[in-house]
Amino acid sequence: MKLQAMALAVLVAFAGSAFAQSNTSPSSPAGSAAQDQVKADKDQIKQDKAKKKADNKAGDKQAVVADKEQIKSDKQKLKADKKAAKQAKKQKKDKQPTS
């Protein structure tokens, strides 16, 4: 049973990172790309929480601690990306001419 939970956790981790990498498109505008990054970060946090839950259910305490740290760092990245998205939106708004 522990092996299945561990395999599921690994699968979720790799699928999440692959999804996060493939979700951004270089041709999108700066504001939209920043919003896409925020969305990808939120999805990554959800996947990390699911992985932590699976590890907790499997009784792997070391993995749970590692997952908590990963969630913490992902939340910090999300906060920074939200700030960047807000800045990009503000700059885009400032660049538009007022008539």
PDB file of N, CA and C in Angstrom:
ATOM      1  N   MET A   1       0.817  -1.190   0.000  1.00  0.00           N
ATOM      2  CA  MET A   1       0.000   0.000   0.000  1.00  0.00           C
ATOM      3  C   MET A   1       0.867   1.262   0.000  1.00  0.00           C
ATOM      4  N   LYS A   2       1.970   1.236   0.766  1.00  0.00           N
ATOM      5  CA  LYS A   2       2.850   2.398   0.812  1.00  0.00           C
ATOM      6  C   LYS A   2       3.497   2.653  -0.543  1.00  0.00           C
ATOM      7  N   LEU A   3       3.781   1.580  -1.264  1.00  0.00           N
ATOM      8  CA  LEU A   3       4.413   1.716  -2.576  1.00  0.00           C
ATOM      9  C   LEU A   3       3.469   2.415  -3.554  1.00  0.00           C
ATOM     10  N   GLN A   4       2.188   2.078  -3.495  1.00  0.00           N
ATOM     11  CA  GLN A   4       1.217   2.726  -4.383  1.00  0.00           C
ATOM     12  C   GLN A   4       1.105   4.216  -4.074  1.00  0.00           C
ATOM     13  N   ALA A   5       1.076   4.547  -2.809  1.00  0.00           N
ATOM     14  CA  ALA A   5       0.967   5.953  -2.421  1.00  0.00           C
ATOM     15  C   ALA A   5       2.208   6.725  -2.852  1.00  0.00           C
ATOM     16  N   MET A   6       3.372   6.104  -2.706  1.00  0.00           N
ATOM     17  CA  MET A   6       4.625   6.749  -3.103  1.00  0.00           C
ATOM     18  C   MET A   6       4.653   6.932  -4.624  1.00  0.00           C
ATOM     19  N   ALA A   7       4.223   5.914  -5.365  1.00  0.00           N
ATOM     20  CA  ALA A   7       4.194   6.013  -6.824  1.00  0.00           C
ATOM     21  C   ALA A   7       3.226   7.106  -7.266  1.00  0.00           C
ATOM     22  N   LEU A   8       2.086   7.193  -6.610  1.00  0.00           N
ATOM     23  CA  LEU A   8       1.114   8.238  -6.922  1.00  0.00           C
ATOM     24  C   LEU A   8       1.696   9.620  -6.647  1.00  0.00           C
ATOM     25  N   ALA A   9       2.391   9.754  -5.534  1.00  0.00           N
ATOM     26  CA  ALA A   9       2.988  11.045  -5.181  1.00  0.00           C
ATOM     27  C   ALA A   9       4.040  11.462  -6.204  1.00  0.00           C
ATOM     28  N   VAL A  10       4.853  10.515  -6.649  1.00  0.00           N
ATOM     29  CA  VAL A  10       5.878  10.813  -7.657  1.00  0.00           C
ATOM     30  C   VAL A  10       5.222  11.193  -8.975  1.00  0.00           C
ATOM     31  N   LEU A  11       4.188  10.475  -9.349  1.00  0.00           N
ATOM     32  CA  LEU A  11       3.469  10.768 -10.588  1.00  0.00           C
ATOM     33  C   LEU A  11       2.867  12.165 -10.552  1.00  0.00           C
ATOM     34  N   VAL A  12       2.255  12.520  -9.445  1.00  0.00           N
ATOM     35  CA  VAL A  12       1.659  13.848  -9.294  1.00  0.00           C
ATOM     36  C   VAL A  12       2.736  14.926  -9.370  1.00  0.00           C
ATOM     37  N   ALA A  13       3.874  14.669  -8.744  1.00  0.00           N
ATOM     38  CA  ALA A  13       4.954  15.658  -8.738  1.00  0.00           C
ATOM     39  C   ALA A  13       5.488  15.907 -10.150  1.00  0.00           C
ATOM     40  N   PHE A  14       5.724  14.849 -10.894  1.00  0.00           N
ATOM     41  CA  PHE A  14       6.245  15.015 -12.248  1.00  0.00           C
ATOM     42  C   PHE A  14       5.205  15.599 -13.192  1.00  0.00           C
ATOM     43  N   ALA A  15       3.976  15.180 -13.044  1.00  0.00           N
ATOM     44  CA  ALA A  15       2.913  15.710 -13.898  1.00  0.00           C
ATOM     45  C   ALA A  15       2.712  17.199 -13.623  1.00  0.00           C
ATOM     46  N   GLY A  16       2.807  17.587 -12.371  1.00  0.00           N
ATOM     47  CA  GLY A  16       2.641  18.989 -12.006  1.00  0.00           C
ATOM     48  C   GLY A  16       3.733  19.868 -12.577  1.00  0.00           C
ATOM     49  N   SER A  17       4.961  19.399 -12.486  1.00  0.00           N
ATOM     50  CA  SER A  17       6.061  20.214 -13.012  1.00  0.00           C
ATOM     51  C   SER A  17       5.998  20.285 -14.534  1.00  0.00           C
ATOM     52  N   ALA A  18       5.602  19.192 -15.185  1.00  0.00           N
ATOM     53  CA  ALA A  18       5.478  19.211 -16.646  1.00  0.00           C
ATOM     54  C   ALA A  18       4.349  20.146 -17.073  1.00  0.00           C
ATOM     55  N   PHE A  19       3.260  20.123 -16.335  1.00  0.00           N
ATOM     56  CA  PHE A  19       2.137  21.001 -16.653  1.00  0.00           C
ATOM     57  C   PHE A  19       2.532  22.464 -16.465  1.00  0.00           C
ATOM     58  N   ALA A  20       3.235  22.752 -15.386  1.00  0.00           N
ATOM     59  CA  ALA A  20       3.645  24.131 -15.112  1.00  0.00           C
ATOM     60  C   ALA A  20       4.581  24.652 -16.193  1.00  0.00           C
ATOM     61  N   GLN A  21       5.449  23.788 -16.724  1.00  0.00           N
ATOM     62  CA  GLN A  21       6.372  24.218 -17.757  1.00  0.00           C
ATOM     63  C   GLN A  21       5.671  24.402 -19.096  1.00  0.00           C
ATOM     64  N   SER A  22       4.696  23.573 -19.399  1.00  0.00           N
ATOM     65  CA  SER A  22       4.043  23.646 -20.702  1.00  0.00           C
ATOM     66  C   SER A  22       2.902  24.655 -20.733  1.00  0.00           C
ATOM     67  N   ASN A  23       2.518  25.175 -19.599  1.00  0.00           N
ATOM     68  CA  ASN A  23       1.355  26.052 -19.530  1.00  0.00           C
ATOM     69  C   ASN A  23       1.651  27.472 -19.996  1.00  0.00           C
ATOM     70  N   THR A  24       2.881  27.915 -19.936  1.00  0.00           N
ATOM     71  CA  THR A  24       3.193  29.278 -20.321  1.00  0.00           C
ATOM     72  C   THR A  24       3.526  29.337 -21.803  1.00  0.00           C
ATOM     73  N   SER A  25       3.077  30.393 -22.464  1.00  0.00           N
ATOM     74  CA  SER A  25       3.375  30.554 -23.883  1.00  0.00           C
ATOM     75  C   SER A  25       4.184  31.828 -24.067  1.00  0.00           C
ATOM     76  N   PRO A  26       5.273  31.768 -24.824  1.00  0.00           N
ATOM     77  CA  PRO A  26       6.124  32.945 -24.970  1.00  0.00           C
ATOM     78  C   PRO A  26       5.507  34.047 -25.810  1.00  0.00           C
ATOM     79  N   SER A  27       4.489  33.756 -26.612  1.00  0.00           N
ATOM     80  CA  SER A  27       3.898  34.764 -27.481  1.00  0.00           C
ATOM     81  C   SER A  27       2.820  35.598 -26.792  1.00  0.00           C
ATOM     82  N   SER A  28       2.488  35.265 -25.548  1.00  0.00           N
ATOM     83  CA  SER A  28       1.435  36.002 -24.863  1.00  0.00           C
ATOM     84  C   SER A  28       1.968  37.331 -24.330  1.00  0.00           C
ATOM     85  N   PRO A  29       1.108  38.328 -24.186  1.00  0.00           N
ATOM     86  CA  PRO A  29       1.539  39.624 -23.656  1.00  0.00           C
ATOM     87  C   PRO A  29       2.035  39.505 -22.218  1.00  0.00           C
ATOM     88  N   ALA A  30       2.769  40.510 -21.770  1.00  0.00           N
ATOM     89  CA  ALA A  30       3.402  40.456 -20.448  1.00  0.00           C
ATOM     90  C   ALA A  30       2.375  40.290 -19.327  1.00  0.00           C
ATOM     91  N   GLY A  31       1.309  41.050 -19.355  1.00  0.00           N
ATOM     92  CA  GLY A  31       0.297  40.952 -18.309  1.00  0.00           C
ATOM     93  C   GLY A  31      -0.361  39.593 -18.272  1.00  0.00           C
ATOM     94  N   SER A  32      -0.656  39.068 -19.432  1.00  0.00           N
ATOM     95  CA  SER A  32      -1.290  37.760 -19.520  1.00  0.00           C
ATOM     96  C   SER A  32      -0.344  36.659 -19.068  1.00  0.00           C
ATOM     97  N   ALA A  33       0.924  36.769 -19.434  1.00  0.00           N
ATOM     98  CA  ALA A  33       1.911  35.769 -19.028  1.00  0.00           C
ATOM     99  C   ALA A  33       2.061  35.769 -17.508  1.00  0.00           C
ATOM    100  N   ALA A  34       2.038  36.947 -16.911  1.00  0.00           N
ATOM    101  CA  ALA A  34       2.150  37.033 -15.456  1.00  0.00           C
ATOM    102  C   ALA A  34       0.936  36.387 -14.794  1.00  0.00           C
ATOM    103  N   GLN A  35      -0.233  36.613 -15.364  1.00  0.00           N
ATOM    104  CA  GLN A  35      -1.443  35.986 -14.825  1.00  0.00           C
ATOM    105  C   GLN A  35      -1.398  34.472 -14.995  1.00  0.00           C
ATOM    106  N   ASP A  36      -0.875  34.019 -16.130  1.00  0.00           N
ATOM    107  CA  ASP A  36      -0.738  32.579 -16.355  1.00  0.00           C
ATOM    108  C   ASP A  36       0.203  31.965 -15.334  1.00  0.00           C
ATOM    109  N   GLN A  37       1.269  32.678 -14.996  1.00  0.00           N
ATOM    110  CA  GLN A  37       2.237  32.171 -14.014  1.00  0.00           C
ATOM    111  C   GLN A  37       1.591  32.065 -12.639  1.00  0.00           C
ATOM    112  N   VAL A  38       0.770  33.040 -12.286  1.00  0.00           N
ATOM    113  CA  VAL A  38       0.070  32.999 -10.997  1.00  0.00           C
ATOM    114  C   VAL A  38      -0.853  31.784 -10.960  1.00  0.00           C
ATOM    115  N   LYS A  39      -1.553  31.554 -12.062  1.00  0.00           N
ATOM    116  CA  LYS A  39      -2.456  30.404 -12.141  1.00  0.00           C
ATOM    117  C   LYS A  39      -1.681  29.090 -12.028  1.00  0.00           C
ATOM    118  N   ALA A  40      -0.537  29.019 -12.693  1.00  0.00           N
ATOM    119  CA  ALA A  40       0.296  27.816 -12.625  1.00  0.00           C
ATOM    120  C   ALA A  40       0.809  27.591 -11.201  1.00  0.00           C
ATOM    121  N   ASP A  41       1.159  28.673 -10.513  1.00  0.00           N
ATOM    122  CA  ASP A  41       1.624  28.557  -9.135  1.00  0.00           C
ATOM    123  C   ASP A  41       0.516  28.024  -8.228  1.00  0.00           C
ATOM    124  N   LYS A  42      -0.698  28.513  -8.427  1.00  0.00           N
ATOM    125  CA  LYS A  42      -1.824  28.038  -7.623  1.00  0.00           C
ATOM    126  C   LYS A  42      -2.065  26.548  -7.867  1.00  0.00           C
ATOM    127  N   ASP A  43      -1.973  26.132  -9.131  1.00  0.00           N
ATOM    128  CA  ASP A  43      -2.141  24.716  -9.455  1.00  0.00           C
ATOM    129  C   ASP A  43      -1.042  23.882  -8.809  1.00  0.00           C
ATOM    130  N   GLN A  44       0.174  24.394  -8.813  1.00  0.00           N
ATOM    131  CA  GLN A  44       1.302  23.673  -8.215  1.00  0.00           C
ATOM    132  C   GLN A  44       1.091  23.503  -6.712  1.00  0.00           C
ATOM    133  N   ILE A  45       0.583  24.533  -6.054  1.00  0.00           N
ATOM    134  CA  ILE A  45       0.318  24.445  -4.615  1.00  0.00           C
ATOM    135  C   ILE A  45      -0.753  23.388  -4.352  1.00  0.00           C
ATOM    136  N   LYS A  46      -1.789  23.349  -5.177  1.00  0.00           N
ATOM    137  CA  LYS A  46      -2.837  22.326  -5.021  1.00  0.00           C
ATOM    138  C   LYS A  46      -2.251  20.929  -5.160  1.00  0.00           C
ATOM    139  N   GLN A  47      -1.370  20.751  -6.146  1.00  0.00           N
ATOM    140  CA  GLN A  47      -0.762  19.436  -6.362  1.00  0.00           C
ATOM    141  C   GLN A  47       0.161  19.063  -5.204  1.00  0.00           C
ATOM    142  N   ASP A  48       0.886  20.040  -4.681  1.00  0.00           N
ATOM    143  CA  ASP A  48       1.759  19.777  -3.540  1.00  0.00           C
ATOM    144  C   ASP A  48       0.945  19.379  -2.308  1.00  0.00           C
ATOM    145  N   LYS A  49      -0.186  20.029  -2.118  1.00  0.00           N
ATOM    146  CA  LYS A  49      -1.042  19.683  -0.984  1.00  0.00           C
ATOM    147  C   LYS A  49      -1.593  18.264  -1.132  1.00  0.00           C
ATOM    148  N   ALA A  50      -1.945  17.878  -2.369  1.00  0.00           N
ATOM    149  CA  ALA A  50      -2.425  16.521  -2.605  1.00  0.00           C
ATOM    150  C   ALA A  50      -1.311  15.502  -2.337  1.00  0.00           C
ATOM    151  N   LYS A  51      -0.099  15.844  -2.736  1.00  0.00           N
ATOM    152  CA  LYS A  51       1.052  14.966  -2.508  1.00  0.00           C
ATOM    153  C   LYS A  51       1.314  14.824  -1.015  1.00  0.00           C
ATOM    154  N   LYS A  52       1.208  15.945  -0.277  1.00  0.00           N
ATOM    155  CA  LYS A  52       1.411  15.914   1.173  1.00  0.00           C
ATOM    156  C   LYS A  52       0.354  15.030   1.833  1.00  0.00           C
ATOM    157  N   LYS A  53      -0.868  15.136   1.346  1.00  0.00           N
ATOM    158  CA  LYS A  53      -1.954  14.330   1.899  1.00  0.00           C
ATOM    159  C   LYS A  53      -1.703  12.847   1.652  1.00  0.00           C
ATOM    160  N   ALA A  54      -1.223  12.514   0.451  1.00  0.00           N
ATOM    161  CA  ALA A  54      -0.931  11.118   0.121  1.00  0.00           C
ATOM    162  C   ALA A  54       0.228  10.591   0.973  1.00  0.00           C
ATOM    163  N   ASP A  55       1.247  11.419   1.153  1.00  0.00           N
ATOM    164  CA  ASP A  55       2.389  11.007   1.970  1.00  0.00           C
ATOM    165  C   ASP A  55       1.983  10.842   3.434  1.00  0.00           C
ATOM    166  N   ASN A  56       1.114  11.717   3.890  1.00  0.00           N
ATOM    167  CA  ASN A  56       0.640  11.639   5.271  1.00  0.00           C
ATOM    168  C   ASN A  56      -0.163  10.351   5.467  1.00  0.00           C
ATOM    169  N   LYS A  57      -0.973  10.023   4.481  1.00  0.00           N
ATOM    170  CA  LYS A  57      -1.780   8.805   4.548  1.00  0.00           C
ATOM    171  C   LYS A  57      -0.887   7.567   4.535  1.00  0.00           C
ATOM    172  N   ALA A  58       0.218   7.643   3.778  1.00  0.00           N
ATOM    173  CA  ALA A  58       1.144   6.522   3.696  1.00  0.00           C
ATOM    174  C   ALA A  58       2.024   6.428   4.941  1.00  0.00           C
ATOM    175  N   GLY A  59       2.049   7.472   5.757  1.00  0.00           N
ATOM    176  CA  GLY A  59       2.830   7.453   6.984  1.00  0.00           C
ATOM    177  C   GLY A  59       4.286   7.835   6.780  1.00  0.00           C
ATOM    178  N   ASP A  60       4.599   8.476   5.679  1.00  0.00           N
ATOM    179  CA  ASP A  60       5.981   8.885   5.385  1.00  0.00           C
ATOM    180  C   ASP A  60       6.213  10.283   5.949  1.00  0.00           C
ATOM    181  N   LYS A  61       6.703  10.334   7.190  1.00  0.00           N
ATOM    182  CA  LYS A  61       6.830  11.618   7.886  1.00  0.00           C
ATOM    183  C   LYS A  61       7.894  12.518   7.262  1.00  0.00           C
ATOM    184  N   GLN A  62       8.965  11.944   6.754  1.00  0.00           N
ATOM    185  CA  GLN A  62      10.012  12.761   6.129  1.00  0.00           C
ATOM    186  C   GLN A  62       9.481  13.431   4.863  1.00  0.00           C
ATOM    187  N   ALA A  63       8.710  12.692   4.093  1.00  0.00           N
ATOM    188  CA  ALA A  63       8.141  13.252   2.868  1.00  0.00           C
ATOM    189  C   ALA A  63       7.135  14.353   3.197  1.00  0.00           C
ATOM    190  N   VAL A  64       6.386  14.178   4.280  1.00  0.00           N
ATOM    191  CA  VAL A  64       5.413  15.199   4.689  1.00  0.00           C
ATOM    192  C   VAL A  64       6.130  16.493   5.046  1.00  0.00           C
ATOM    193  N   VAL A  65       7.246  16.386   5.753  1.00  0.00           N
ATOM    194  CA  VAL A  65       8.020  17.580   6.122  1.00  0.00           C
ATOM    195  C   VAL A  65       8.561  18.249   4.855  1.00  0.00           C
ATOM    196  N   ALA A  66       9.075  17.434   3.927  1.00  0.00           N
ATOM    197  CA  ALA A  66       9.590  17.983   2.676  1.00  0.00           C
ATOM    198  C   ALA A  66       8.465  18.654   1.878  1.00  0.00           C
ATOM    199  N   ASP A  67       7.283  18.036   1.889  1.00  0.00           N
ATOM    200  CA  ASP A  67       6.141  18.609   1.178  1.00  0.00           C
ATOM    201  C   ASP A  67       5.717  19.942   1.803  1.00  0.00           C
ATOM    202  N   LYS A  68       5.768  20.032   3.119  1.00  0.00           N
ATOM    203  CA  LYS A  68       5.424  21.294   3.791  1.00  0.00           C
ATOM    204  C   LYS A  68       6.378  22.400   3.354  1.00  0.00           C
ATOM    205  N   GLU A  69       7.670  22.066   3.280  1.00  0.00           N
ATOM    206  CA  GLU A  69       8.662  23.050   2.845  1.00  0.00           C
ATOM    207  C   GLU A  69       8.410  23.467   1.395  1.00  0.00           C
ATOM    208  N   GLN A  70       8.052  22.494   0.551  1.00  0.00           N
ATOM    209  CA  GLN A  70       7.777  22.783  -0.856  1.00  0.00           C
ATOM    210  C   GLN A  70       6.563  23.700  -0.985  1.00  0.00           C
ATOM    211  N   ILE A  71       5.533  23.434  -0.214  1.00  0.00           N
ATOM    212  CA  ILE A  71       4.330  24.269  -0.241  1.00  0.00           C
ATOM    213  C   ILE A  71       4.679  25.689   0.216  1.00  0.00           C
ATOM    214  N   LYS A  72       5.508  25.775   1.257  1.00  0.00           N
ATOM    215  CA  LYS A  72       5.910  27.082   1.766  1.00  0.00           C
ATOM    216  C   LYS A  72       6.664  27.882   0.700  1.00  0.00           C
ATOM    217  N   SER A  73       7.586  27.229   0.008  1.00  0.00           N
ATOM    218  CA  SER A  73       8.348  27.935  -1.025  1.00  0.00           C
ATOM    219  C   SER A  73       7.466  28.286  -2.226  1.00  0.00           C
ATOM    220  N   ASP A  74       6.516  27.401  -2.555  1.00  0.00           N
ATOM    221  CA  ASP A  74       5.595  27.699  -3.654  1.00  0.00           C
ATOM    222  C   ASP A  74       4.699  28.886  -3.325  1.00  0.00           C
ATOM    223  N   LYS A  75       4.304  29.000  -2.074  1.00  0.00           N
ATOM    224  CA  LYS A  75       3.482  30.138  -1.659  1.00  0.00           C
ATOM    225  C   LYS A  75       4.269  31.442  -1.760  1.00  0.00           C
ATOM    226  N   GLN A  76       5.567  31.392  -1.406  1.00  0.00           N
ATOM    227  CA  GLN A  76       6.400  32.583  -1.537  1.00  0.00           C
ATOM    228  C   GLN A  76       6.552  32.971  -3.003  1.00  0.00           C
ATOM    229  N   LYS A  77       6.708  31.967  -3.876  1.00  0.00           N
ATOM    230  CA  LYS A  77       6.822  32.231  -5.310  1.00  0.00           C
ATOM    231  C   LYS A  77       5.519  32.817  -5.840  1.00  0.00           C
ATOM    232  N   LEU A  78       4.396  32.289  -5.377  1.00  0.00           N
ATOM    233  CA  LEU A  78       3.094  32.807  -5.791  1.00  0.00           C
ATOM    234  C   LEU A  78       2.956  34.269  -5.381  1.00  0.00           C
ATOM    235  N   LYS A  79       3.394  34.587  -4.173  1.00  0.00           N
ATOM    236  CA  LYS A  79       3.306  35.966  -3.695  1.00  0.00           C
ATOM    237  C   LYS A  79       4.137  36.894  -4.582  1.00  0.00           C
ATOM    238  N   ALA A  80       5.337  36.458  -4.928  1.00  0.00           N
ATOM    239  CA  ALA A  80       6.205  37.275  -5.785  1.00  0.00           C
ATOM    240  C   ALA A  80       5.607  37.412  -7.186  1.00  0.00           C
ATOM    241  N   ASP A  81       5.034  36.333  -7.706  1.00  0.00           N
ATOM    242  CA  ASP A  81       4.436  36.384  -9.041  1.00  0.00           C
ATOM    243  C   ASP A  81       3.184  37.253  -9.065  1.00  0.00           C
ATOM    244  N   LYS A  82       2.417  37.241  -7.987  1.00  0.00           N
ATOM    245  CA  LYS A  82       1.248  38.119  -7.907  1.00  0.00           C
ATOM    246  C   LYS A  82       1.681  39.579  -7.942  1.00  0.00           C
ATOM    247  N   LYS A  83       2.761  39.867  -7.216  1.00  0.00           N
ATOM    248  CA  LYS A  83       3.283  41.231  -7.184  1.00  0.00           C
ATOM    249  C   LYS A  83       3.764  41.646  -8.571  1.00  0.00           C
ATOM    250  N   ALA A  84       4.438  40.738  -9.272  1.00  0.00           N
ATOM    251  CA  ALA A  84       4.925  41.023 -10.623  1.00  0.00           C
ATOM    252  C   ALA A  84       3.757  41.227 -11.590  1.00  0.00           C
ATOM    253  N   ALA A  85       2.720  40.420 -11.434  1.00  0.00           N
ATOM    254  CA  ALA A  85       1.545  40.552 -12.298  1.00  0.00           C
ATOM    255  C   ALA A  85       0.860  41.895 -12.062  1.00  0.00           C
ATOM    256  N   LYS A  86       0.807  42.300 -10.811  1.00  0.00           N
ATOM    257  CA  LYS A  86       0.195  43.586 -10.478  1.00  0.00           C
ATOM    258  C   LYS A  86       1.007  44.733 -11.083  1.00  0.00           C
ATOM    259  N   GLN A  87       2.337  44.624 -11.010  1.00  0.00           N
ATOM    260  CA  GLN A  87       3.208  45.637 -11.595  1.00  0.00           C
ATOM    261  C   GLN A  87       3.029  45.691 -13.113  1.00  0.00           C
ATOM    262  N   ALA A  88       2.963  44.527 -13.753  1.00  0.00           N
ATOM    263  CA  ALA A  88       2.812  44.480 -15.209  1.00  0.00           C
ATOM    264  C   ALA A  88       1.478  45.093 -15.625  1.00  0.00           C
ATOM    265  N   LYS A  89       0.451  44.807 -14.862  1.00  0.00           N
ATOM    266  CA  LYS A  89      -0.877  45.362 -15.156  1.00  0.00           C
ATOM    267  C   LYS A  89      -0.859  46.878 -14.988  1.00  0.00           C
ATOM    268  N   LYS A  90      -0.171  47.335 -13.942  1.00  0.00           N
ATOM    269  CA  LYS A  90      -0.076  48.770 -13.693  1.00  0.00           C
ATOM    270  C   LYS A  90       0.702  49.468 -14.804  1.00  0.00           C
ATOM    271  N   GLN A  91       1.804  48.869 -15.247  1.00  0.00           N
ATOM    272  CA  GLN A  91       2.603  49.454 -16.319  1.00  0.00           C
ATOM    273  C   GLN A  91       1.820  49.470 -17.629  1.00  0.00           C
ATOM    274  N   LYS A  92       1.083  48.414 -17.869  1.00  0.00           N
ATOM    275  CA  LYS A  92       0.274  48.348 -19.099  1.00  0.00           C
ATOM    276  C   LYS A  92      -0.791  49.438 -19.085  1.00  0.00           C
ATOM    277  N   LYS A  93      -1.374  49.661 -17.927  1.00  0.00           N
ATOM    278  CA  LYS A  93      -2.393  50.705 -17.793  1.00  0.00           C
ATOM    279  C   LYS A  93      -1.775  52.097 -17.960  1.00  0.00           C
ATOM    280  N   ASP A  94      -0.579  52.303 -17.425  1.00  0.00           N
ATOM    281  CA  ASP A  94       0.099  53.596 -17.532  1.00  0.00           C
ATOM    282  C   ASP A  94       0.529  53.902 -18.970  1.00  0.00           C
ATOM    283  N   LYS A  95       0.839  52.883 -19.741  1.00  0.00           N
ATOM    284  CA  LYS A  95       1.305  53.091 -21.113  1.00  0.00           C
ATOM    285  C   LYS A  95       0.174  53.480 -22.068  1.00  0.00           C
ATOM    286  N   GLN A  96      -1.058  53.129 -21.724  1.00  0.00           N
ATOM    287  CA  GLN A  96      -2.186  53.457 -22.595  1.00  0.00           C
ATOM    288  C   GLN A  96      -2.418  54.967 -22.584  1.00  0.00           C
ATOM    289  N   PRO A  97      -2.511  55.576 -23.767  1.00  0.00           N
ATOM    290  CA  PRO A  97      -2.742  57.023 -23.804  1.00  0.00           C
ATOM    291  C   PRO A  97      -4.172  57.376 -23.371  1.00  0.00           C
ATOM    292  N   THR A  98      -4.272  58.455 -22.665  1.00  0.00           N
ATOM    293  CA  THR A  98      -5.598  58.923 -22.240  1.00  0.00           C
ATOM    294  C   THR A  98      -6.086  59.985 -23.217  1.00  0.00           C
ATOM    295  N   SER A  99      -7.279  59.797 -23.711  1.00  0.00           N
ATOM    296  CA  SER A  99      -7.789  60.770 -24.702  1.00  0.00           C
ATOM    297  C   SER A  99      -9.003  61.501 -24.200  1.00  0.00           C
TER     298      SER A  99
END
